[in-house]
């Protein structure tokens, strides 16, 4: 068994069919079938159940699959390390919370793009849960998420501190009115958003539970619905302040213990740090990173 055998096995598992795997690997179906039979004979285990719709993994195949993926990841990483001559270049995939991307990253990205034009930087937004999963799966090299994370396979460093505020319809002039939310909803991003859980906790400490949620895909949609009187949300002050100035939204400050949140920059602890990623980390604001020692 060698790396090419495992690559073939992983392709069959990923595509769910020998013909589809052959197309993905740019080879003929008979070659995939023969090599798969030889691998099963060497292991003394059947790796796939064959059926009319394709194949599914056997228990033995399920046990082998994580190792096949790990080997391929190590090969890809080894190739990147060998080709990295210390000059930032090539692809770099970074993840970010939507709020961080809008509020904090524009000057960072402008400076980075200007200093390292040979890097093909891709910024992908998502919730904290989504971004952590993508870094762990090596689909992202690093990401800005709500911290602390404290995961044994991740390294994290403080990037920014944000003040969260409650954004409510202008008619809800004081926090004393929260108990009378009535039919208003909590306006939140999809499941996995860290601000969503924090908002529910803040309200629960004030005796408000069971309020219905309304999920959105963007912050702009949430703020539009707050201004329309549909409900309230919890977001960084820097994001919602412009909406307050346009009218229809009231902002309510929270005690420091509830308001302050850390945005951390995470990457895999065992991952290769490319020159492109190292340069990106070095370009993060020094003052904010130094705050981690406070």
C-alpha atoms as a PDB file:
ATOM      1  CA  UNK A   1       0.000   0.000   0.000  1.00  0.00           C
ATOM      2  CA  UNK A   2       1.361   3.400  -0.966  1.00  0.00           C
ATOM      3  CA  UNK A   3       0.158   6.992  -1.172  1.00  0.00           C
ATOM      4  CA  UNK A   4      -1.297   6.539  -4.668  1.00  0.00           C
ATOM      5  CA  UNK A   5      -3.400   3.592  -3.439  1.00  0.00           C
ATOM      6  CA  UNK A   6      -4.777   5.718  -0.625  1.00  0.00           C
ATOM      7  CA  UNK A   7      -5.473   8.587  -3.009  1.00  0.00           C
ATOM      8  CA  UNK A   8      -7.476   6.260  -5.233  1.00  0.00           C
ATOM      9  CA  UNK A   9      -9.359   4.833  -2.253  1.00  0.00           C
ATOM     10  CA  UNK A  10     -10.194   8.338  -1.002  1.00  0.00           C
ATOM     11  CA  UNK A  11     -11.469   9.378  -4.427  1.00  0.00           C
ATOM     12  CA  UNK A  12     -13.832   6.395  -4.576  1.00  0.00           C
ATOM     13  CA  UNK A  13     -15.095   7.152  -1.060  1.00  0.00           C
ATOM     14  CA  UNK A  14     -15.536  10.860  -1.838  1.00  0.00           C
ATOM     15  CA  UNK A  15     -17.348  10.420  -5.150  1.00  0.00           C
ATOM     16  CA  UNK A  16     -19.356   7.348  -4.153  1.00  0.00           C
ATOM     17  CA  UNK A  17     -18.625   5.429  -7.332  1.00  0.00           C
ATOM     18  CA  UNK A  18     -15.758   3.781  -9.195  1.00  0.00           C
ATOM     19  CA  UNK A  19     -16.651   5.441 -12.502  1.00  0.00           C
ATOM     20  CA  UNK A  20     -16.893   8.862 -10.885  1.00  0.00           C
ATOM     21  CA  UNK A  21     -13.568   8.316  -9.134  1.00  0.00           C
ATOM     22  CA  UNK A  22     -11.958   7.330 -12.428  1.00  0.00           C
ATOM     23  CA  UNK A  23     -13.168  10.567 -14.004  1.00  0.00           C
ATOM     24  CA  UNK A  24     -11.884  12.603 -11.054  1.00  0.00           C
ATOM     25  CA  UNK A  25      -8.479  10.917 -11.281  1.00  0.00           C
ATOM     26  CA  UNK A  26      -8.368  11.167 -15.081  1.00  0.00           C
ATOM     27  CA  UNK A  27      -7.975   7.423 -15.565  1.00  0.00           C
ATOM     28  CA  UNK A  28     -10.079   4.506 -16.799  1.00  0.00           C
ATOM     29  CA  UNK A  29     -12.610   2.657 -14.652  1.00  0.00           C
ATOM     30  CA  UNK A  30     -10.904  -0.723 -15.104  1.00  0.00           C
ATOM     31  CA  UNK A  31      -7.703   0.669 -13.584  1.00  0.00           C
ATOM     32  CA  UNK A  32      -9.543   1.905 -10.500  1.00  0.00           C
ATOM     33  CA  UNK A  33     -11.377  -1.415 -10.130  1.00  0.00           C
ATOM     34  CA  UNK A  34      -8.178  -3.457 -10.395  1.00  0.00           C
ATOM     35  CA  UNK A  35      -6.149  -1.336  -7.990  1.00  0.00           C
ATOM     36  CA  UNK A  36      -8.986  -1.266  -5.479  1.00  0.00           C
ATOM     37  CA  UNK A  37      -9.212  -5.072  -5.564  1.00  0.00           C
ATOM     38  CA  UNK A  38      -5.442  -5.327  -5.036  1.00  0.00           C
ATOM     39  CA  UNK A  39      -5.641  -2.951  -2.060  1.00  0.00           C
ATOM     40  CA  UNK A  40      -8.470  -4.952  -0.493  1.00  0.00           C
ATOM     41  CA  UNK A  41      -6.508  -8.176  -1.052  1.00  0.00           C
ATOM     42  CA  UNK A  42      -3.409  -6.704   0.596  1.00  0.00           C
ATOM     43  CA  UNK A  43      -5.398  -5.542   3.613  1.00  0.00           C
ATOM     44  CA  UNK A  44      -7.526  -8.656   3.791  1.00  0.00           C
ATOM     45  CA  UNK A  45     -10.595  -6.424   4.153  1.00  0.00           C
ATOM     46  CA  UNK A  46     -13.476  -5.378   1.934  1.00  0.00           C
ATOM     47  CA  UNK A  47     -13.449  -1.578   1.828  1.00  0.00           C
ATOM     48  CA  UNK A  48     -16.673  -0.909  -0.102  1.00  0.00           C
ATOM     49  CA  UNK A  49     -20.147  -2.358  -0.468  1.00  0.00           C
ATOM     50  CA  UNK A  50     -21.002  -2.403  -4.187  1.00  0.00           C
ATOM     51  CA  UNK A  51     -24.592  -1.642  -5.224  1.00  0.00           C
ATOM     52  CA  UNK A  52     -26.528  -0.307  -8.197  1.00  0.00           C
ATOM     53  CA  UNK A  53     -26.070   3.319  -7.199  1.00  0.00           C
ATOM     54  CA  UNK A  54     -22.329   3.076  -6.633  1.00  0.00           C
ATOM     55  CA  UNK A  55     -20.413   2.152  -3.486  1.00  0.00           C
ATOM     56  CA  UNK A  56     -20.556   2.800   0.255  1.00  0.00           C
ATOM     57  CA  UNK A  57     -17.828   2.309   2.829  1.00  0.00           C
ATOM     58  CA  UNK A  58     -17.662  -0.830   4.937  1.00  0.00           C
ATOM     59  CA  UNK A  59     -16.605  -0.495   8.598  1.00  0.00           C
ATOM     60  CA  UNK A  60     -13.028  -1.254   7.512  1.00  0.00           C
ATOM     61  CA  UNK A  61     -13.238   1.459   4.861  1.00  0.00           C
ATOM     62  CA  UNK A  62     -14.553   3.936   7.405  1.00  0.00           C
ATOM     63  CA  UNK A  63     -11.565   3.213   9.646  1.00  0.00           C
ATOM     64  CA  UNK A  64      -9.118   3.650   6.768  1.00  0.00           C
ATOM     65  CA  UNK A  65     -10.567   6.865   5.338  1.00  0.00           C
ATOM     66  CA  UNK A  66      -9.187   9.343   7.946  1.00  0.00           C
ATOM     67  CA  UNK A  67      -5.677   7.960   7.387  1.00  0.00           C
ATOM     68  CA  UNK A  68      -6.031   8.254   3.614  1.00  0.00           C
ATOM     69  CA  UNK A  69      -7.063  11.880   3.967  1.00  0.00           C
ATOM     70  CA  UNK A  70      -4.263  12.604   6.411  1.00  0.00           C
ATOM     71  CA  UNK A  71      -1.641  11.128   4.086  1.00  0.00           C
ATOM     72  CA  UNK A  72      -2.889  13.229   1.176  1.00  0.00           C
ATOM     73  CA  UNK A  73      -2.893  16.348   3.351  1.00  0.00           C
ATOM     74  CA  UNK A  74       0.698  15.660   4.412  1.00  0.00           C
ATOM     75  CA  UNK A  75       1.774  15.139   0.800  1.00  0.00           C
ATOM     76  CA  UNK A  76       0.125  18.398  -0.267  1.00  0.00           C
ATOM     77  CA  UNK A  77       1.709  20.207   2.674  1.00  0.00           C
ATOM     78  CA  UNK A  78       5.142  18.718   1.941  1.00  0.00           C
ATOM     79  CA  UNK A  79       4.934  19.936  -1.657  1.00  0.00           C
ATOM     80  CA  UNK A  80       3.992  23.435  -0.506  1.00  0.00           C
ATOM     81  CA  UNK A  81       6.838  23.480   2.011  1.00  0.00           C
ATOM     82  CA  UNK A  82       9.385  22.361  -0.597  1.00  0.00           C
ATOM     83  CA  UNK A  83       8.233  25.028  -3.056  1.00  0.00           C
ATOM     84  CA  UNK A  84       8.099  27.841  -0.488  1.00  0.00           C
ATOM     85  CA  UNK A  85      11.299  29.851  -0.962  1.00  0.00           C
ATOM     86  CA  UNK A  86      10.480  32.416   1.711  1.00  0.00           C
ATOM     87  CA  UNK A  87       8.804  34.903  -0.625  1.00  0.00           C
ATOM     88  CA  UNK A  88       5.028  35.234  -0.008  1.00  0.00           C
ATOM     89  CA  UNK A  89       3.273  33.901  -3.094  1.00  0.00           C
ATOM     90  CA  UNK A  90       0.525  31.543  -4.225  1.00  0.00           C
ATOM     91  CA  UNK A  91      -2.888  30.862  -2.694  1.00  0.00           C
ATOM     92  CA  UNK A  92      -3.806  31.862   0.856  1.00  0.00           C
ATOM     93  CA  UNK A  93      -7.310  31.083   2.194  1.00  0.00           C
ATOM     94  CA  UNK A  94      -8.312  33.050   5.312  1.00  0.00           C
ATOM     95  CA  UNK A  95     -11.679  32.908   7.070  1.00  0.00           C
ATOM     96  CA  UNK A  96     -13.414  35.661   8.989  1.00  0.00           C
ATOM     97  CA  UNK A  97     -16.584  36.562  10.810  1.00  0.00           C
ATOM     98  CA  UNK A  98     -18.678  38.834   8.621  1.00  0.00           C
ATOM     99  CA  UNK A  99     -18.522  41.593  11.232  1.00  0.00           C
ATOM    100  CA  UNK A 100     -14.724  41.384  11.486  1.00  0.00           C
ATOM    101  CA  UNK A 101     -14.373  41.405   7.704  1.00  0.00           C
ATOM    102  CA  UNK A 102     -16.447  44.581   7.466  1.00  0.00           C
ATOM    103  CA  UNK A 103     -15.165  46.425  10.527  1.00  0.00           C
ATOM    104  CA  UNK A 104     -11.527  45.472  10.988  1.00  0.00           C
ATOM    105  CA  UNK A 105     -10.016  43.829   7.928  1.00  0.00           C
ATOM    106  CA  UNK A 106     -10.237  46.367   5.061  1.00  0.00           C
ATOM    107  CA  UNK A 107      -7.035  48.248   6.041  1.00  0.00           C
ATOM    108  CA  UNK A 108      -5.261  44.966   6.805  1.00  0.00           C
ATOM    109  CA  UNK A 109      -6.194  43.517   3.407  1.00  0.00           C
ATOM    110  CA  UNK A 110      -5.272  46.673   1.498  1.00  0.00           C
ATOM    111  CA  UNK A 111      -1.845  46.800   3.131  1.00  0.00           C
ATOM    112  CA  UNK A 112      -1.246  43.084   2.582  1.00  0.00           C
ATOM    113  CA  UNK A 113      -2.279  43.128  -1.077  1.00  0.00           C
ATOM    114  CA  UNK A 114      -0.007  46.085  -1.716  1.00  0.00           C
ATOM    115  CA  UNK A 115       2.988  44.511   0.010  1.00  0.00           C
ATOM    116  CA  UNK A 116       2.546  40.996  -1.413  1.00  0.00           C
ATOM    117  CA  UNK A 117       1.024  41.141  -4.908  1.00  0.00           C
ATOM    118  CA  UNK A 118       2.116  37.567  -5.719  1.00  0.00           C
ATOM    119  CA  UNK A 119      -0.281  36.132  -3.104  1.00  0.00           C
ATOM    120  CA  UNK A 120      -3.736  35.048  -4.269  1.00  0.00           C
ATOM    121  CA  UNK A 121      -5.668  35.881  -1.110  1.00  0.00           C
ATOM    122  CA  UNK A 122      -9.172  34.448  -0.659  1.00  0.00           C
ATOM    123  CA  UNK A 123     -11.294  35.714   2.257  1.00  0.00           C
ATOM    124  CA  UNK A 124     -14.247  33.520   3.193  1.00  0.00           C
ATOM    125  CA  UNK A 125     -16.828  34.584   5.771  1.00  0.00           C
ATOM    126  CA  UNK A 126     -18.841  32.351   8.080  1.00  0.00           C
ATOM    127  CA  UNK A 127     -19.883  31.758  11.659  1.00  0.00           C
ATOM    128  CA  UNK A 128     -17.396  30.873  14.380  1.00  0.00           C
ATOM    129  CA  UNK A 129     -18.439  27.204  14.314  1.00  0.00           C
ATOM    130  CA  UNK A 130     -18.153  27.003  10.521  1.00  0.00           C
ATOM    131  CA  UNK A 131     -14.747  28.671  10.420  1.00  0.00           C
ATOM    132  CA  UNK A 132     -13.271  26.512  13.185  1.00  0.00           C
ATOM    133  CA  UNK A 133     -14.413  23.385  11.333  1.00  0.00           C
ATOM    134  CA  UNK A 134     -12.843  24.618   8.093  1.00  0.00           C
ATOM    135  CA  UNK A 135      -9.508  25.348   9.761  1.00  0.00           C
ATOM    136  CA  UNK A 136      -9.523  21.916  11.418  1.00  0.00           C
ATOM    137  CA  UNK A 137     -10.318  20.311   8.039  1.00  0.00           C
ATOM    138  CA  UNK A 138      -7.491  22.343   6.427  1.00  0.00           C
ATOM    139  CA  UNK A 139      -9.891  24.043   4.037  1.00  0.00           C
ATOM    140  CA  UNK A 140      -8.698  27.345   5.521  1.00  0.00           C
ATOM    141  CA  UNK A 141      -5.150  28.111   6.621  1.00  0.00           C
ATOM    142  CA  UNK A 142      -6.378  30.430   9.380  1.00  0.00           C
ATOM    143  CA  UNK A 143      -9.445  32.376  10.488  1.00  0.00           C
ATOM    144  CA  UNK A 144     -10.706  35.211  12.656  1.00  0.00           C
ATOM    145  CA  UNK A 145     -13.330  33.833  15.072  1.00  0.00           C
ATOM    146  CA  UNK A 146     -14.946  34.742  18.361  1.00  0.00           C
ATOM    147  CA  UNK A 147     -12.737  33.586  21.207  1.00  0.00           C
ATOM    148  CA  UNK A 148     -11.541  32.093  23.314  1.00  0.00           C
ATOM    149  CA  UNK A 149     -11.485  28.808  21.362  1.00  0.00           C
ATOM    150  CA  UNK A 150      -9.150  26.604  23.459  1.00  0.00           C
ATOM    151  CA  UNK A 151      -8.991  23.637  21.073  1.00  0.00           C
ATOM    152  CA  UNK A 152      -6.059  21.194  21.437  1.00  0.00           C
ATOM    153  CA  UNK A 153      -5.399  21.186  17.675  1.00  0.00           C
ATOM    154  CA  UNK A 154      -5.466  24.951  17.250  1.00  0.00           C
ATOM    155  CA  UNK A 155      -3.183  27.870  18.049  1.00  0.00           C
ATOM    156  CA  UNK A 156      -4.975  31.130  18.792  1.00  0.00           C
ATOM    157  CA  UNK A 157      -3.809  34.677  19.338  1.00  0.00           C
ATOM    158  CA  UNK A 158      -5.779  37.756  20.231  1.00  0.00           C
ATOM    159  CA  UNK A 159      -6.443  39.934  17.202  1.00  0.00           C
ATOM    160  CA  UNK A 160      -9.119  42.449  18.241  1.00  0.00           C
ATOM    161  CA  UNK A 161     -11.400  43.364  21.122  1.00  0.00           C
ATOM    162  CA  UNK A 162     -14.938  44.491  20.366  1.00  0.00           C
ATOM    163  CA  UNK A 163     -17.727  46.089  22.379  1.00  0.00           C
ATOM    164  CA  UNK A 164     -21.058  44.401  21.749  1.00  0.00           C
ATOM    165  CA  UNK A 165     -24.272  46.381  22.058  1.00  0.00           C
ATOM    166  CA  UNK A 166     -27.940  45.536  21.887  1.00  0.00           C
ATOM    167  CA  UNK A 167     -29.490  47.027  18.761  1.00  0.00           C
ATOM    168  CA  UNK A 168     -33.245  47.415  19.187  1.00  0.00           C
ATOM    169  CA  UNK A 169     -36.108  49.255  17.485  1.00  0.00           C
ATOM    170  CA  UNK A 170     -36.074  52.952  18.369  1.00  0.00           C
ATOM    171  CA  UNK A 171     -39.356  52.480  20.256  1.00  0.00           C
ATOM    172  CA  UNK A 172     -37.514  50.285  22.794  1.00  0.00           C
ATOM    173  CA  UNK A 173     -35.877  53.250  24.493  1.00  0.00           C
ATOM    174  CA  UNK A 174     -34.488  51.505  27.600  1.00  0.00           C
ATOM    175  CA  UNK A 175     -33.385  48.045  28.635  1.00  0.00           C
ATOM    176  CA  UNK A 176     -36.209  48.080  31.175  1.00  0.00           C
ATOM    177  CA  UNK A 177     -38.526  47.467  28.239  1.00  0.00           C
ATOM    178  CA  UNK A 178     -36.927  44.153  27.345  1.00  0.00           C
ATOM    179  CA  UNK A 179     -39.372  42.244  29.511  1.00  0.00           C
ATOM    180  CA  UNK A 180     -42.167  43.495  27.237  1.00  0.00           C
ATOM    181  CA  UNK A 181     -40.731  42.187  23.974  1.00  0.00           C
ATOM    182  CA  UNK A 182     -44.102  40.796  22.976  1.00  0.00           C
ATOM    183  CA  UNK A 183     -44.008  39.382  19.471  1.00  0.00           C
ATOM    184  CA  UNK A 184     -40.617  40.829  18.646  1.00  0.00           C
ATOM    185  CA  UNK A 185     -37.929  38.322  17.661  1.00  0.00           C
ATOM    186  CA  UNK A 186     -34.245  37.869  18.239  1.00  0.00           C
ATOM    187  CA  UNK A 187     -32.633  38.594  14.894  1.00  0.00           C
ATOM    188  CA  UNK A 188     -29.555  36.409  14.489  1.00  0.00           C
ATOM    189  CA  UNK A 189     -27.214  34.873  11.971  1.00  0.00           C
ATOM    190  CA  UNK A 190     -27.464  31.156  11.259  1.00  0.00           C
ATOM    191  CA  UNK A 191     -26.593  28.452  13.806  1.00  0.00           C
ATOM    192  CA  UNK A 192     -22.962  28.535  14.872  1.00  0.00           C
ATOM    193  CA  UNK A 193     -22.887  32.308  15.350  1.00  0.00           C
ATOM    194  CA  UNK A 194     -21.245  33.100  18.698  1.00  0.00           C
ATOM    195  CA  UNK A 195     -23.153  36.382  19.118  1.00  0.00           C
ATOM    196  CA  UNK A 196     -26.413  34.456  18.881  1.00  0.00           C
ATOM    197  CA  UNK A 197     -25.672  32.338  21.971  1.00  0.00           C
ATOM    198  CA  UNK A 198     -24.352  35.372  23.844  1.00  0.00           C
ATOM    199  CA  UNK A 199     -27.585  37.286  23.146  1.00  0.00           C
ATOM    200  CA  UNK A 200     -29.706  34.435  24.471  1.00  0.00           C
ATOM    201  CA  UNK A 201     -27.528  34.271  27.616  1.00  0.00           C
ATOM    202  CA  UNK A 202     -27.794  38.035  28.194  1.00  0.00           C
ATOM    203  CA  UNK A 203     -31.573  37.918  27.988  1.00  0.00           C
ATOM    204  CA  UNK A 204     -31.786  34.773  30.140  1.00  0.00           C
ATOM    205  CA  UNK A 205     -29.909  36.558  32.934  1.00  0.00           C
ATOM    206  CA  UNK A 206     -32.670  39.159  32.824  1.00  0.00           C
ATOM    207  CA  UNK A 207     -35.381  36.535  33.049  1.00  0.00           C
ATOM    208  CA  UNK A 208     -36.278  36.606  29.365  1.00  0.00           C
ATOM    209  CA  UNK A 209     -36.408  33.131  27.828  1.00  0.00           C
ATOM    210  CA  UNK A 210     -38.258  31.444  25.003  1.00  0.00           C
ATOM    211  CA  UNK A 211     -38.103  34.433  22.648  1.00  0.00           C
ATOM    212  CA  UNK A 212     -38.435  33.273  19.051  1.00  0.00           C
ATOM    213  CA  UNK A 213     -35.478  33.485  16.674  1.00  0.00           C
ATOM    214  CA  UNK A 214     -35.414  34.808  13.147  1.00  0.00           C
ATOM    215  CA  UNK A 215     -32.316  33.757  11.177  1.00  0.00           C
ATOM    216  CA  UNK A 216     -30.647  35.807   8.457  1.00  0.00           C
ATOM    217  CA  UNK A 217     -27.721  35.365   6.122  1.00  0.00           C
ATOM    218  CA  UNK A 218     -26.283  38.889   6.383  1.00  0.00           C
ATOM    219  CA  UNK A 219     -25.803  41.613   8.962  1.00  0.00           C
ATOM    220  CA  UNK A 220     -27.394  44.207   6.671  1.00  0.00           C
ATOM    221  CA  UNK A 221     -30.635  42.205   6.574  1.00  0.00           C
ATOM    222  CA  UNK A 222     -30.654  41.971  10.365  1.00  0.00           C
ATOM    223  CA  UNK A 223     -30.199  45.717  10.818  1.00  0.00           C
ATOM    224  CA  UNK A 224     -32.920  46.476   8.292  1.00  0.00           C
ATOM    225  CA  UNK A 225     -35.364  44.331  10.247  1.00  0.00           C
ATOM    226  CA  UNK A 226     -34.345  45.917  13.560  1.00  0.00           C
ATOM    227  CA  UNK A 227     -35.103  49.337  12.093  1.00  0.00           C
ATOM    228  CA  UNK A 228     -38.451  47.995  10.863  1.00  0.00           C
ATOM    229  CA  UNK A 229     -39.370  47.059  14.448  1.00  0.00           C
ATOM    230  CA  UNK A 230     -39.291  43.292  13.965  1.00  0.00           C
ATOM    231  CA  UNK A 231     -36.847  42.539  16.772  1.00  0.00           C
ATOM    232  CA  UNK A 232     -33.437  43.127  18.337  1.00  0.00           C
ATOM    233  CA  UNK A 233     -29.921  41.817  17.894  1.00  0.00           C
ATOM    234  CA  UNK A 234     -26.440  41.827  19.419  1.00  0.00           C
ATOM    235  CA  UNK A 235     -23.535  43.078  17.293  1.00  0.00           C
ATOM    236  CA  UNK A 236     -20.280  45.054  17.605  1.00  0.00           C
ATOM    237  CA  UNK A 237     -20.848  48.763  18.147  1.00  0.00           C
ATOM    238  CA  UNK A 238     -18.733  49.673  15.128  1.00  0.00           C
ATOM    239  CA  UNK A 239     -21.058  47.720  12.842  1.00  0.00           C
ATOM    240  CA  UNK A 240     -24.363  49.099  14.131  1.00  0.00           C
ATOM    241  CA  UNK A 241     -23.393  52.729  14.849  1.00  0.00           C
ATOM    242  CA  UNK A 242     -23.881  53.840  11.212  1.00  0.00           C
ATOM    243  CA  UNK A 243     -27.340  52.230  11.206  1.00  0.00           C
ATOM    244  CA  UNK A 244     -28.229  54.111  14.403  1.00  0.00           C
ATOM    245  CA  UNK A 245     -27.292  57.394  12.781  1.00  0.00           C
ATOM    246  CA  UNK A 246     -29.641  56.649   9.885  1.00  0.00           C
ATOM    247  CA  UNK A 247     -32.505  56.326  12.366  1.00  0.00           C
ATOM    248  CA  UNK A 248     -34.929  53.662  13.504  1.00  0.00           C
ATOM    249  CA  UNK A 249     -32.446  51.876  15.775  1.00  0.00           C
ATOM    250  CA  UNK A 250     -31.596  52.420  19.447  1.00  0.00           C
ATOM    251  CA  UNK A 251     -28.319  51.107  20.872  1.00  0.00           C
ATOM    252  CA  UNK A 252     -28.074  49.892  24.462  1.00  0.00           C
ATOM    253  CA  UNK A 253     -24.724  49.538  26.196  1.00  0.00           C
ATOM    254  CA  UNK A 254     -24.075  46.466  28.338  1.00  0.00           C
ATOM    255  CA  UNK A 255     -21.925  45.923  31.438  1.00  0.00           C
ATOM    256  CA  UNK A 256     -18.266  45.261  30.503  1.00  0.00           C
ATOM    257  CA  UNK A 257     -18.515  41.601  31.466  1.00  0.00           C
ATOM    258  CA  UNK A 258     -21.249  41.095  28.893  1.00  0.00           C
ATOM    259  CA  UNK A 259     -20.157  43.620  26.295  1.00  0.00           C
ATOM    260  CA  UNK A 260     -16.493  42.857  25.667  1.00  0.00           C
ATOM    261  CA  UNK A 261     -15.658  40.049  23.260  1.00  0.00           C
ATOM    262  CA  UNK A 262     -12.347  38.891  21.811  1.00  0.00           C
ATOM    263  CA  UNK A 263     -11.741  38.085  18.160  1.00  0.00           C
ATOM    264  CA  UNK A 264      -8.894  35.588  17.870  1.00  0.00           C
ATOM    265  CA  UNK A 265      -6.803  34.467  14.903  1.00  0.00           C
ATOM    266  CA  UNK A 266      -6.587  30.675  14.764  1.00  0.00           C
ATOM    267  CA  UNK A 267      -4.604  28.111  12.768  1.00  0.00           C
ATOM    268  CA  UNK A 268      -3.802  24.434  13.126  1.00  0.00           C
ATOM    269  CA  UNK A 269      -1.009  23.732  15.591  1.00  0.00           C
ATOM    270  CA  UNK A 270       0.463  21.065  13.292  1.00  0.00           C
ATOM    271  CA  UNK A 271      -0.027  22.962  10.042  1.00  0.00           C
ATOM    272  CA  UNK A 272       2.667  24.310   7.735  1.00  0.00           C
ATOM    273  CA  UNK A 273       2.986  28.077   8.082  1.00  0.00           C
ATOM    274  CA  UNK A 274       3.609  29.301   4.556  1.00  0.00           C
ATOM    275  CA  UNK A 275       5.502  32.500   3.852  1.00  0.00           C
ATOM    276  CA  UNK A 276       2.193  34.007   2.732  1.00  0.00           C
ATOM    277  CA  UNK A 277       0.513  33.151   6.056  1.00  0.00           C
ATOM    278  CA  UNK A 278       3.525  34.292   8.101  1.00  0.00           C
ATOM    279  CA  UNK A 279       3.482  37.659   6.340  1.00  0.00           C
ATOM    280  CA  UNK A 280      -0.270  37.998   6.938  1.00  0.00           C
ATOM    281  CA  UNK A 281       0.172  37.330  10.657  1.00  0.00           C
ATOM    282  CA  UNK A 282       3.013  39.832  10.845  1.00  0.00           C
ATOM    283  CA  UNK A 283       0.774  42.454   9.262  1.00  0.00           C
ATOM    284  CA  UNK A 284      -1.919  42.277  11.937  1.00  0.00           C
ATOM    285  CA  UNK A 285      -2.135  45.385  14.158  1.00  0.00           C
ATOM    286  CA  UNK A 286       0.646  45.202  16.746  1.00  0.00           C
ATOM    287  CA  UNK A 287      -1.234  47.210  19.348  1.00  0.00           C
ATOM    288  CA  UNK A 288      -4.224  44.849  19.346  1.00  0.00           C
ATOM    289  CA  UNK A 289      -2.055  41.744  19.502  1.00  0.00           C
ATOM    290  CA  UNK A 290      -0.050  43.188  22.372  1.00  0.00           C
ATOM    291  CA  UNK A 291      -3.279  43.479  24.334  1.00  0.00           C
ATOM    292  CA  UNK A 292      -3.206  39.718  24.753  1.00  0.00           C
ATOM    293  CA  UNK A 293      -0.656  40.215  27.518  1.00  0.00           C
ATOM    294  CA  UNK A 294      -2.973  42.485  29.540  1.00  0.00           C
END
